[in-house]
């Protein structure tokens, strides 16, 4: 089993002010971290989200959670790609 660090997971998250007003998104897709975390908070399972959004991978969901944790814990977000 390969375990990814939060920093490697955060590399899946990017932000571009021209996409969704700069909200963090998953791997350049038009799927926001906010939406994934919101679905999980509403009780959706990771499996259901992956089924509804076939372009997502399990590590994308973990990346969204790692991003949310980093924001709440005021950790470094250096691995998040930000386009100017």
PDB file of N, CA and C in Angstrom:
ATOM      1  N   UNK A   1       0.840  -1.187   0.000  1.00  0.00           N
ATOM      2  CA  UNK A   1       0.000   0.000   0.000  1.00  0.00           C
ATOM      3  C   UNK A   1       0.881   1.246   0.000  1.00  0.00           C
ATOM      4  N   UNK A   2       0.625   2.158  -0.896  1.00  0.00           N
ATOM      5  CA  UNK A   2       1.379   3.405  -0.973  1.00  0.00           C
ATOM      6  C   UNK A   2       0.639   4.467  -0.176  1.00  0.00           C
ATOM      7  N   UNK A   3       1.365   5.132   0.716  1.00  0.00           N
ATOM      8  CA  UNK A   3       0.772   6.201   1.510  1.00  0.00           C
ATOM      9  C   UNK A   3       1.292   7.532   0.991  1.00  0.00           C
ATOM     10  N   UNK A   4       0.383   8.409   0.599  1.00  0.00           N
ATOM     11  CA  UNK A   4       0.777   9.721   0.103  1.00  0.00           C
ATOM     12  C   UNK A   4       0.795  10.707   1.262  1.00  0.00           C
ATOM     13  N   UNK A   5       1.766  11.598   1.252  1.00  0.00           N
ATOM     14  CA  UNK A   5       1.817  12.635   2.269  1.00  0.00           C
ATOM     15  C   UNK A   5       0.830  13.735   1.921  1.00  0.00           C
ATOM     16  N   UNK A   6       0.501  14.553   2.912  1.00  0.00           N
ATOM     17  CA  UNK A   6      -0.389  15.687   2.645  1.00  0.00           C
ATOM     18  C   UNK A   6       0.181  16.581   1.552  1.00  0.00           C
ATOM     19  N   UNK A   7       1.497  16.780   1.556  1.00  0.00           N
ATOM     20  CA  UNK A   7       2.098  17.655   0.548  1.00  0.00           C
ATOM     21  C   UNK A   7       1.936  17.079  -0.852  1.00  0.00           C
ATOM     22  N   UNK A   8       2.105  15.772  -1.014  1.00  0.00           N
ATOM     23  CA  UNK A   8       1.925  15.188  -2.347  1.00  0.00           C
ATOM     24  C   UNK A   8       0.458  15.207  -2.744  1.00  0.00           C
ATOM     25  N   UNK A   9      -0.437  15.028  -1.772  1.00  0.00           N
ATOM     26  CA  UNK A   9      -1.864  15.139  -2.066  1.00  0.00           C
ATOM     27  C   UNK A   9      -2.220  16.566  -2.470  1.00  0.00           C
ATOM     28  N   UNK A  10      -1.648  17.534  -1.773  1.00  0.00           N
ATOM     29  CA  UNK A  10      -1.967  18.935  -2.079  1.00  0.00           C
ATOM     30  C   UNK A  10      -1.526  19.328  -3.482  1.00  0.00           C
ATOM     31  N   UNK A  11      -0.580  18.597  -4.056  1.00  0.00           N
ATOM     32  CA  UNK A  11      -0.167  18.849  -5.436  1.00  0.00           C
ATOM     33  C   UNK A  11      -1.290  18.600  -6.435  1.00  0.00           C
ATOM     34  N   UNK A  12      -2.348  17.919  -6.015  1.00  0.00           N
ATOM     35  CA  UNK A  12      -3.508  17.670  -6.876  1.00  0.00           C
ATOM     36  C   UNK A  12      -4.464  18.868  -6.894  1.00  0.00           C
ATOM     37  N   UNK A  13      -4.252  19.815  -6.003  1.00  0.00           N
ATOM     38  CA  UNK A  13      -5.145  20.965  -5.875  1.00  0.00           C
ATOM     39  C   UNK A  13      -4.490  22.172  -6.528  1.00  0.00           C
ATOM     40  N   UNK A  14      -5.277  22.913  -7.283  1.00  0.00           N
ATOM     41  CA  UNK A  14      -4.771  24.133  -7.902  1.00  0.00           C
ATOM     42  C   UNK A  14      -5.816  25.232  -7.784  1.00  0.00           C
ATOM     43  N   UNK A  15      -5.349  26.433  -8.010  1.00  0.00           N
ATOM     44  CA  UNK A  15      -6.236  27.592  -7.968  1.00  0.00           C
ATOM     45  C   UNK A  15      -5.862  28.518  -9.110  1.00  0.00           C
ATOM     46  N   UNK A  16      -6.860  28.940  -9.861  1.00  0.00           N
ATOM     47  CA  UNK A  16      -6.650  29.843 -10.980  1.00  0.00           C
ATOM     48  C   UNK A  16      -7.785  30.853 -10.953  1.00  0.00           C
ATOM     49  N   UNK A  17      -7.455  32.120 -10.874  1.00  0.00           N
ATOM     50  CA  UNK A  17      -8.516  33.134 -10.730  1.00  0.00           C
ATOM     51  C   UNK A  17      -9.500  33.143 -11.904  1.00  0.00           C
ATOM     52  N   UNK A  18      -9.112  32.542 -13.029  1.00  0.00           N
ATOM     53  CA  UNK A  18     -10.001  32.473 -14.190  1.00  0.00           C
ATOM     54  C   UNK A  18     -10.936  31.260 -14.161  1.00  0.00           C
ATOM     55  N   UNK A  19     -10.769  30.384 -13.179  1.00  0.00           N
ATOM     56  CA  UNK A  19     -11.606  29.189 -13.055  1.00  0.00           C
ATOM     57  C   UNK A  19     -12.299  29.237 -11.699  1.00  0.00           C
ATOM     58  N   UNK A  20     -13.609  29.262 -11.713  1.00  0.00           N
ATOM     59  CA  UNK A  20     -14.409  29.297 -10.474  1.00  0.00           C
ATOM     60  C   UNK A  20     -13.994  30.442  -9.560  1.00  0.00           C
ATOM     61  N   UNK A  21     -13.580  31.546 -10.148  1.00  0.00           N
ATOM     62  CA  UNK A  21     -13.221  32.721  -9.347  1.00  0.00           C
ATOM     63  C   UNK A  21     -12.037  32.493  -8.427  1.00  0.00           C
ATOM     64  N   UNK A  22     -11.180  31.537  -8.773  1.00  0.00           N
ATOM     65  CA  UNK A  22      -9.989  31.278  -7.981  1.00  0.00           C
ATOM     66  C   UNK A  22     -10.169  30.258  -6.877  1.00  0.00           C
ATOM     67  N   UNK A  23     -11.369  29.666  -6.785  1.00  0.00           N
ATOM     68  CA  UNK A  23     -11.565  28.627  -5.763  1.00  0.00           C
ATOM     69  C   UNK A  23     -10.646  27.454  -6.062  1.00  0.00           C
ATOM     70  N   UNK A  24     -10.146  26.783  -5.032  1.00  0.00           N
ATOM     71  CA  UNK A  24      -9.297  25.612  -5.241  1.00  0.00           C
ATOM     72  C   UNK A  24     -10.078  24.502  -5.946  1.00  0.00           C
ATOM     73  N   UNK A  25      -9.442  23.917  -6.954  1.00  0.00           N
ATOM     74  CA  UNK A  25     -10.068  22.862  -7.738  1.00  0.00           C
ATOM     75  C   UNK A  25      -9.152  21.636  -7.789  1.00  0.00           C
ATOM     76  N   UNK A  26      -9.710  20.520  -8.198  1.00  0.00           N
ATOM     77  CA  UNK A  26      -8.986  19.255  -8.258  1.00  0.00           C
ATOM     78  C   UNK A  26      -8.371  19.074  -9.639  1.00  0.00           C
ATOM     79  N   UNK A  27      -7.060  18.890  -9.677  1.00  0.00           N
ATOM     80  CA  UNK A  27      -6.307  18.556 -10.900  1.00  0.00           C
ATOM     81  C   UNK A  27      -6.734  19.339 -12.138  1.00  0.00           C
ATOM     82  N   UNK A  28      -7.020  20.617 -11.986  1.00  0.00           N
ATOM     83  CA  UNK A  28      -7.389  21.441 -13.129  1.00  0.00           C
ATOM     84  C   UNK A  28      -8.769  21.160 -13.682  1.00  0.00           C
ATOM     85  N   UNK A  29      -9.497  20.254 -13.044  1.00  0.00           N
ATOM     86  CA  UNK A  29     -10.851  19.935 -13.476  1.00  0.00           C
ATOM     87  C   UNK A  29     -11.783  21.014 -12.931  1.00  0.00           C
ATOM     88  N   UNK A  30     -12.967  21.052 -13.394  1.00  0.00           N
ATOM     89  CA  UNK A  30     -13.933  22.033 -12.891  1.00  0.00           C
ATOM     90  C   UNK A  30     -14.726  21.427 -11.724  1.00  0.00           C
ATOM     91  N   UNK A  31     -13.979  20.827 -10.810  1.00  0.00           N
ATOM     92  CA  UNK A  31     -14.549  20.236  -9.602  1.00  0.00           C
ATOM     93  C   UNK A  31     -13.844  20.901  -8.422  1.00  0.00           C
ATOM     94  N   UNK A  32     -14.608  21.635  -7.631  1.00  0.00           N
ATOM     95  CA  UNK A  32     -13.993  22.394  -6.550  1.00  0.00           C
ATOM     96  C   UNK A  32     -13.813  21.552  -5.293  1.00  0.00           C
ATOM     97  N   UNK A  33     -12.783  21.907  -4.538  1.00  0.00           N
ATOM     98  CA  UNK A  33     -12.545  21.293  -3.236  1.00  0.00           C
ATOM     99  C   UNK A  33     -13.773  21.509  -2.358  1.00  0.00           C
ATOM    100  N   UNK A  34     -14.325  22.701  -2.420  1.00  0.00           N
ATOM    101  CA  UNK A  34     -15.511  23.041  -1.616  1.00  0.00           C
ATOM    102  C   UNK A  34     -16.655  22.066  -1.874  1.00  0.00           C
ATOM    103  N   UNK A  35     -16.911  21.747  -3.141  1.00  0.00           N
ATOM    104  CA  UNK A  35     -18.012  20.856  -3.473  1.00  0.00           C
ATOM    105  C   UNK A  35     -17.773  19.451  -2.916  1.00  0.00           C
ATOM    106  N   UNK A  36     -16.549  18.952  -3.074  1.00  0.00           N
ATOM    107  CA  UNK A  36     -16.242  17.603  -2.595  1.00  0.00           C
ATOM    108  C   UNK A  36     -16.389  17.539  -1.081  1.00  0.00           C
ATOM    109  N   UNK A  37     -15.832  18.518  -0.378  1.00  0.00           N
ATOM    110  CA  UNK A  37     -15.924  18.531   1.087  1.00  0.00           C
ATOM    111  C   UNK A  37     -17.385  18.682   1.518  1.00  0.00           C
ATOM    112  N   UNK A  38     -18.147  19.496   0.804  1.00  0.00           N
ATOM    113  CA  UNK A  38     -19.562  19.678   1.119  1.00  0.00           C
ATOM    114  C   UNK A  38     -20.337  18.367   0.938  1.00  0.00           C
ATOM    115  N   UNK A  39     -20.073  17.648  -0.131  1.00  0.00           N
ATOM    116  CA  UNK A  39     -20.744  16.366  -0.350  1.00  0.00           C
ATOM    117  C   UNK A  39     -20.417  15.386   0.781  1.00  0.00           C
ATOM    118  N   UNK A  40     -19.160  15.338   1.187  1.00  0.00           N
ATOM    119  CA  UNK A  40     -18.773  14.462   2.296  1.00  0.00           C
ATOM    120  C   UNK A  40     -19.472  14.884   3.587  1.00  0.00           C
ATOM    121  N   UNK A  41     -19.553  16.192   3.822  1.00  0.00           N
ATOM    122  CA  UNK A  41     -20.210  16.705   5.032  1.00  0.00           C
ATOM    123  C   UNK A  41     -21.700  16.367   5.044  1.00  0.00           C
ATOM    124  N   UNK A  42     -22.301  16.250   3.864  1.00  0.00           N
ATOM    125  CA  UNK A  42     -23.719  15.903   3.766  1.00  0.00           C
ATOM    126  C   UNK A  42     -23.953  14.404   3.899  1.00  0.00           C
ATOM    127  N   UNK A  43     -22.871  13.641   4.058  1.00  0.00           N
ATOM    128  CA  UNK A  43     -23.016  12.205   4.253  1.00  0.00           C
ATOM    129  C   UNK A  43     -22.767  11.354   3.027  1.00  0.00           C
ATOM    130  N   UNK A  44     -22.421  11.977   1.910  1.00  0.00           N
ATOM    131  CA  UNK A  44     -22.100  11.183   0.714  1.00  0.00           C
ATOM    132  C   UNK A  44     -20.841  10.366   0.987  1.00  0.00           C
ATOM    133  N   UNK A  45     -20.799   9.182   0.487  1.00  0.00           N
ATOM    134  CA  UNK A  45     -19.597   8.368   0.628  1.00  0.00           C
ATOM    135  C   UNK A  45     -18.615   8.723  -0.485  1.00  0.00           C
ATOM    136  N   UNK A  46     -17.356   8.417  -0.234  1.00  0.00           N
ATOM    137  CA  UNK A  46     -16.350   8.631  -1.266  1.00  0.00           C
ATOM    138  C   UNK A  46     -16.695   7.824  -2.507  1.00  0.00           C
ATOM    139  N   UNK A  47     -17.197   6.617  -2.307  1.00  0.00           N
ATOM    140  CA  UNK A  47     -17.552   5.756  -3.437  1.00  0.00           C
ATOM    141  C   UNK A  47     -18.662   6.385  -4.287  1.00  0.00           C
ATOM    142  N   UNK A  48     -19.654   6.989  -3.634  1.00  0.00           N
ATOM    143  CA  UNK A  48     -20.745   7.630  -4.371  1.00  0.00           C
ATOM    144  C   UNK A  48     -20.233   8.833  -5.157  1.00  0.00           C
ATOM    145  N   UNK A  49     -19.338   9.599  -4.553  1.00  0.00           N
ATOM    146  CA  UNK A  49     -18.777  10.767  -5.242  1.00  0.00           C
ATOM    147  C   UNK A  49     -17.971  10.310  -6.453  1.00  0.00           C
ATOM    148  N   UNK A  50     -17.163   9.285  -6.278  1.00  0.00           N
ATOM    149  CA  UNK A  50     -16.364   8.759  -7.390  1.00  0.00           C
ATOM    150  C   UNK A  50     -17.259   8.232  -8.506  1.00  0.00           C
ATOM    151  N   UNK A  51     -18.381   7.663  -8.141  1.00  0.00           N
ATOM    152  CA  UNK A  51     -19.328   7.158  -9.141  1.00  0.00           C
ATOM    153  C   UNK A  51     -19.989   8.310  -9.904  1.00  0.00           C
ATOM    154  N   UNK A  52     -20.339   9.374  -9.183  1.00  0.00           N
ATOM    155  CA  UNK A  52     -20.998  10.526  -9.811  1.00  0.00           C
ATOM    156  C   UNK A  52     -20.038  11.375 -10.643  1.00  0.00           C
ATOM    157  N   UNK A  53     -18.762  11.352 -10.288  1.00  0.00           N
ATOM    158  CA  UNK A  53     -17.738  12.141 -10.981  1.00  0.00           C
ATOM    159  C   UNK A  53     -16.617  11.201 -11.403  1.00  0.00           C
ATOM    160  N   UNK A  54     -16.805  10.475 -12.512  1.00  0.00           N
ATOM    161  CA  UNK A  54     -15.869   9.421 -12.904  1.00  0.00           C
ATOM    162  C   UNK A  54     -14.439   9.907 -13.160  1.00  0.00           C
ATOM    163  N   UNK A  55     -14.245  11.180 -13.376  1.00  0.00           N
ATOM    164  CA  UNK A  55     -12.886  11.694 -13.574  1.00  0.00           C
ATOM    165  C   UNK A  55     -12.092  11.792 -12.290  1.00  0.00           C
ATOM    166  N   UNK A  56     -12.788  11.755 -11.163  1.00  0.00           N
ATOM    167  CA  UNK A  56     -12.113  11.833  -9.867  1.00  0.00           C
ATOM    168  C   UNK A  56     -11.483  10.499  -9.505  1.00  0.00           C
ATOM    169  N   UNK A  57     -10.411  10.572  -8.739  1.00  0.00           N
ATOM    170  CA  UNK A  57      -9.724   9.397  -8.221  1.00  0.00           C
ATOM    171  C   UNK A  57      -9.783   9.445  -6.699  1.00  0.00           C
ATOM    172  N   UNK A  58      -9.643   8.298  -6.038  1.00  0.00           N
ATOM    173  CA  UNK A  58      -9.677   8.287  -4.573  1.00  0.00           C
ATOM    174  C   UNK A  58      -8.700   9.284  -3.937  1.00  0.00           C
ATOM    175  N   UNK A  59      -7.507   9.433  -4.520  1.00  0.00           N
ATOM    176  CA  UNK A  59      -6.548  10.394  -3.966  1.00  0.00           C
ATOM    177  C   UNK A  59      -7.016  11.832  -4.124  1.00  0.00           C
ATOM    178  N   UNK A  60      -7.904  12.112  -5.074  1.00  0.00           N
ATOM    179  CA  UNK A  60      -8.456  13.465  -5.213  1.00  0.00           C
ATOM    180  C   UNK A  60      -9.318  13.801  -3.999  1.00  0.00           C
ATOM    181  N   UNK A  61     -10.094  12.843  -3.551  1.00  0.00           N
ATOM    182  CA  UNK A  61     -10.932  13.074  -2.372  1.00  0.00           C
ATOM    183  C   UNK A  61     -10.047  13.268  -1.146  1.00  0.00           C
ATOM    184  N   UNK A  62      -9.005  12.437  -1.029  1.00  0.00           N
ATOM    185  CA  UNK A  62      -8.063  12.617   0.082  1.00  0.00           C
ATOM    186  C   UNK A  62      -7.371  13.971  -0.011  1.00  0.00           C
ATOM    187  N   UNK A  63      -7.087  14.416  -1.233  1.00  0.00           N
ATOM    188  CA  UNK A  63      -6.455  15.725  -1.420  1.00  0.00           C
ATOM    189  C   UNK A  63      -7.374  16.853  -0.948  1.00  0.00           C
ATOM    190  N   UNK A  64      -8.660  16.727  -1.225  1.00  0.00           N
ATOM    191  CA  UNK A  64      -9.615  17.745  -0.769  1.00  0.00           C
ATOM    192  C   UNK A  64      -9.642  17.799   0.748  1.00  0.00           C
ATOM    193  N   UNK A  65      -9.629  16.639   1.386  1.00  0.00           N
ATOM    194  CA  UNK A  65      -9.614  16.607   2.847  1.00  0.00           C
ATOM    195  C   UNK A  65      -8.300  17.150   3.394  1.00  0.00           C
ATOM    196  N   UNK A  66      -7.189  16.838   2.741  1.00  0.00           N
ATOM    197  CA  UNK A  66      -5.891  17.358   3.175  1.00  0.00           C
ATOM    198  C   UNK A  66      -5.862  18.876   3.038  1.00  0.00           C
ATOM    199  N   UNK A  67      -6.460  19.388   1.963  1.00  0.00           N
ATOM    200  CA  UNK A  67      -6.525  20.843   1.769  1.00  0.00           C
ATOM    201  C   UNK A  67      -7.354  21.488   2.877  1.00  0.00           C
ATOM    202  N   UNK A  68      -8.528  20.922   3.147  1.00  0.00           N
ATOM    203  CA  UNK A  68      -9.389  21.466   4.195  1.00  0.00           C
ATOM    204  C   UNK A  68      -8.668  21.439   5.541  1.00  0.00           C
ATOM    205  N   UNK A  69      -7.974  20.356   5.826  1.00  0.00           N
ATOM    206  CA  UNK A  69      -7.224  20.256   7.073  1.00  0.00           C
ATOM    207  C   UNK A  69      -6.136  21.319   7.137  1.00  0.00           C
ATOM    208  N   UNK A  70      -5.390  21.487   6.050  1.00  0.00           N
ATOM    209  CA  UNK A  70      -4.311  22.470   6.025  1.00  0.00           C
ATOM    210  C   UNK A  70      -4.838  23.885   6.259  1.00  0.00           C
ATOM    211  N   UNK A  71      -5.984  24.197   5.668  1.00  0.00           N
ATOM    212  CA  UNK A  71      -6.573  25.527   5.859  1.00  0.00           C
ATOM    213  C   UNK A  71      -6.987  25.717   7.318  1.00  0.00           C
ATOM    214  N   UNK A  72      -7.665  24.726   7.877  1.00  0.00           N
ATOM    215  CA  UNK A  72      -8.133  24.828   9.259  1.00  0.00           C
ATOM    216  C   UNK A  72      -6.991  24.832  10.258  1.00  0.00           C
ATOM    217  N   UNK A  73      -5.938  24.085   9.965  1.00  0.00           N
ATOM    218  CA  UNK A  73      -4.804  23.999  10.880  1.00  0.00           C
ATOM    219  C   UNK A  73      -3.785  25.109  10.622  1.00  0.00           C
ATOM    220  N   UNK A  74      -4.058  25.942   9.619  1.00  0.00           N
ATOM    221  CA  UNK A  74      -3.152  27.027   9.238  1.00  0.00           C
ATOM    222  C   UNK A  74      -1.777  26.478   8.868  1.00  0.00           C
ATOM    223  N   UNK A  75      -1.777  25.324   8.181  1.00  0.00           N
ATOM    224  CA  UNK A  75      -0.546  24.697   7.712  1.00  0.00           C
ATOM    225  C   UNK A  75      -0.116  25.324   6.395  1.00  0.00           C
ATOM    226  N   UNK A  76       1.045  24.914   5.935  1.00  0.00           N
ATOM    227  CA  UNK A  76       1.570  25.394   4.669  1.00  0.00           C
ATOM    228  C   UNK A  76       0.771  24.824   3.502  1.00  0.00           C
ATOM    229  N   UNK A  77       0.482  25.676   2.556  1.00  0.00           N
ATOM    230  CA  UNK A  77      -0.203  25.251   1.330  1.00  0.00           C
ATOM    231  C   UNK A  77       0.725  25.416   0.126  1.00  0.00           C
ATOM    232  N   UNK A  78       2.034  25.336   0.377  1.00  0.00           N
ATOM    233  CA  UNK A  78       3.020  25.548  -0.689  1.00  0.00           C
ATOM    234  C   UNK A  78       2.850  24.604  -1.866  1.00  0.00           C
ATOM    235  N   UNK A  79       2.338  23.411  -1.630  1.00  0.00           N
ATOM    236  CA  UNK A  79       2.199  22.427  -2.704  1.00  0.00           C
ATOM    237  C   UNK A  79       1.030  22.726  -3.630  1.00  0.00           C
ATOM    238  N   UNK A  80       0.145  23.630  -3.240  1.00  0.00           N
ATOM    239  CA  UNK A  80      -1.008  23.986  -4.076  1.00  0.00           C
ATOM    240  C   UNK A  80      -0.525  24.915  -5.182  1.00  0.00           C
ATOM    241  N   UNK A  81      -0.854  24.559  -6.414  1.00  0.00           N
ATOM    242  CA  UNK A  81      -0.440  25.368  -7.563  1.00  0.00           C
ATOM    243  C   UNK A  81      -1.411  26.528  -7.750  1.00  0.00           C
ATOM    244  N   UNK A  82      -0.873  27.743  -7.784  1.00  0.00           N
ATOM    245  CA  UNK A  82      -1.713  28.918  -7.951  1.00  0.00           C
ATOM    246  C   UNK A  82      -1.288  29.619  -9.243  1.00  0.00           C
ATOM    247  N   UNK A  83      -2.215  29.708 -10.191  1.00  0.00           N
ATOM    248  CA  UNK A  83      -1.961  30.417 -11.447  1.00  0.00           C
ATOM    249  C   UNK A  83      -2.289  31.887 -11.254  1.00  0.00           C
ATOM    250  N   UNK A  84      -1.483  32.723 -11.831  1.00  0.00           N
ATOM    251  CA  UNK A  84      -1.701  34.175 -11.685  1.00  0.00           C
ATOM    252  C   UNK A  84      -2.368  34.755 -12.889  1.00  0.00           C
TER     253      UNK A  84
END
